[in-house]
Protein backbone atom coordinates (compact mmCIF):
# COMPACT_ATOMS: atom_id res chain seq x y z
CA MET A 1 11.49 -22.86 1.31
CA VAL A 2 11.93 -19.22 2.34
CA LYS A 3 9.03 -16.99 1.35
CA LYS A 4 9.74 -13.58 -0.14
CA ILE A 5 8.55 -10.45 1.67
CA LEU A 6 8.13 -7.19 -0.26
CA VAL A 7 7.09 -3.63 0.56
CA GLY A 8 5.13 -1.39 -1.80
CA GLU A 9 2.46 1.28 -2.18
CA VAL A 10 -1.21 0.43 -2.74
CA ILE A 11 -2.33 1.92 -6.07
CA GLY A 12 -5.68 0.16 -6.44
CA ASP A 13 -8.39 -0.95 -3.99
CA LYS A 14 -11.49 -1.25 -6.20
CA MET A 15 -11.75 -5.06 -5.89
CA ASP A 16 -13.10 -6.88 -2.85
CA LYS A 17 -10.27 -8.41 -0.74
CA THR A 18 -7.70 -7.60 -3.45
CA ARG A 19 -5.21 -4.76 -3.65
CA VAL A 20 -2.88 -3.72 -6.44
CA VAL A 21 0.53 -2.81 -5.04
CA LEU A 22 3.37 -1.05 -6.87
CA VAL A 23 6.89 -2.07 -5.87
CA THR A 24 9.70 0.22 -7.03
CA ARG A 25 13.34 -0.82 -6.94
CA LEU A 26 16.50 0.95 -8.02
CA TYR A 27 19.49 -0.74 -9.62
CA ARG A 28 22.61 0.26 -11.53
CA HIS A 29 22.93 -0.64 -15.20
CA PRO A 30 25.88 -3.06 -15.46
CA LEU A 31 27.54 -1.33 -18.42
CA TYR A 32 26.45 2.31 -18.31
CA GLU A 33 26.16 2.56 -14.51
CA LYS A 34 23.04 4.68 -14.71
CA THR A 35 20.57 4.27 -11.85
CA ILE A 36 17.38 2.75 -13.24
CA GLU A 37 13.98 2.63 -11.52
CA LYS A 38 12.14 -0.62 -12.12
CA ARG A 39 8.43 -0.88 -11.22
CA LYS A 40 6.23 -3.94 -10.89
CA LYS A 41 2.59 -4.40 -9.90
CA TYR A 42 1.51 -7.21 -7.58
CA TYR A 43 -2.01 -8.36 -6.78
CA ILE A 44 -2.25 -9.14 -3.07
CA HIS A 45 -4.96 -10.66 -0.88
CA ASP A 46 -6.30 -8.35 1.86
CA GLU A 47 -8.76 -10.50 3.82
CA ARG A 48 -10.20 -7.66 5.94
CA ASN A 49 -10.12 -4.89 3.30
CA GLU A 50 -8.07 -2.75 5.69
CA SER A 51 -5.59 -1.11 3.27
CA ARG A 52 -6.43 1.88 1.07
CA VAL A 53 -4.85 3.70 -1.86
CA GLY A 54 -1.66 5.46 -0.78
CA ASP A 55 -0.85 3.11 2.12
CA VAL A 56 2.57 1.47 2.26
CA VAL A 57 2.15 -2.27 2.92
CA LYS A 58 4.32 -5.30 3.58
CA PHE A 59 3.25 -8.55 1.89
CA ILE A 60 4.42 -12.16 1.66
CA GLU A 61 4.52 -14.81 -1.04
CA SER A 62 1.80 -17.49 -0.80
CA ARG A 63 0.13 -20.26 -2.76
CA PRO A 64 -1.91 -19.19 -5.79
CA LEU A 65 -5.19 -17.70 -4.56
CA SER A 66 -6.61 -16.80 -7.99
CA HIS A 67 -5.51 -16.21 -11.56
CA LEU A 68 -3.26 -13.27 -10.58
CA LYS A 69 -3.00 -13.31 -6.76
CA ARG A 70 0.09 -15.01 -5.29
CA TRP A 71 0.71 -12.68 -2.34
CA ARG A 72 -0.93 -12.02 1.07
CA LEU A 73 -0.96 -8.82 3.12
CA LEU A 74 1.21 -8.99 6.25
CA GLU A 75 0.85 -5.48 7.67
CA ILE A 76 0.24 -1.85 6.85
CA VAL A 77 3.60 -0.14 7.34
CA SER A 78 2.22 3.41 7.09
CA LYS A 79 -1.11 4.93 6.21
CA SER A 80 -1.50 7.63 3.59
CA LYS A 81 -1.51 11.23 4.85
CA LYS A 82 -5.04 11.79 3.53
CA ARG A 83 -6.34 8.72 5.37
CA GLU A 84 -4.70 9.76 8.66
CA LEU A 85 -6.31 13.20 8.43
CA GLU A 86 -9.75 11.71 7.72
CA GLU A 87 -9.47 9.35 10.70
CA ARG A 88 -8.42 12.20 13.01
CA LEU A 89 -11.36 14.33 11.88
CA ARG A 90 -13.81 11.45 12.34
CA SER A 91 -12.58 10.71 15.86
CA GLY A 92 -12.75 14.38 16.87
CA LYS A 93 -9.02 14.68 17.56
CA GLY A 94 -8.46 17.31 14.85
CA ASP A 95 -7.38 20.86 15.61
CA SER A 96 -10.04 23.20 17.00
CA LYS A 97 -9.19 25.55 14.13
CA GLU A 98 -10.13 22.84 11.58
CA LYS A 99 -13.42 22.21 13.41
CA SER A 100 -14.36 25.89 13.42
CA GLU A 101 -13.63 26.12 9.67
CA ARG A 102 -15.88 23.14 8.97
CA GLU A 103 -18.73 24.60 11.05
CA ALA A 104 -18.56 27.98 9.31
């Protein structure tokens, strides 16, 4: 059996080892031909708690892990802009201008 792989944005990370991911897809209405945006939330298992709100993640179908979880995290496709900035500032790779503003 081929397992489904989806890509979506993390919208919730309050639970331990669980993320809520929003998957948005576009399709055309068969009669009226209007483009419709369909959204669905998935609960995915993130063993190492590595994804955060705003990250775009890829996840795969799996056996039932709990009442709602049927998906596992494969990889983080891209981190949120806010998270990237925080990591740069923590590592000291931020602009010297940003550092001087923080010190003042």
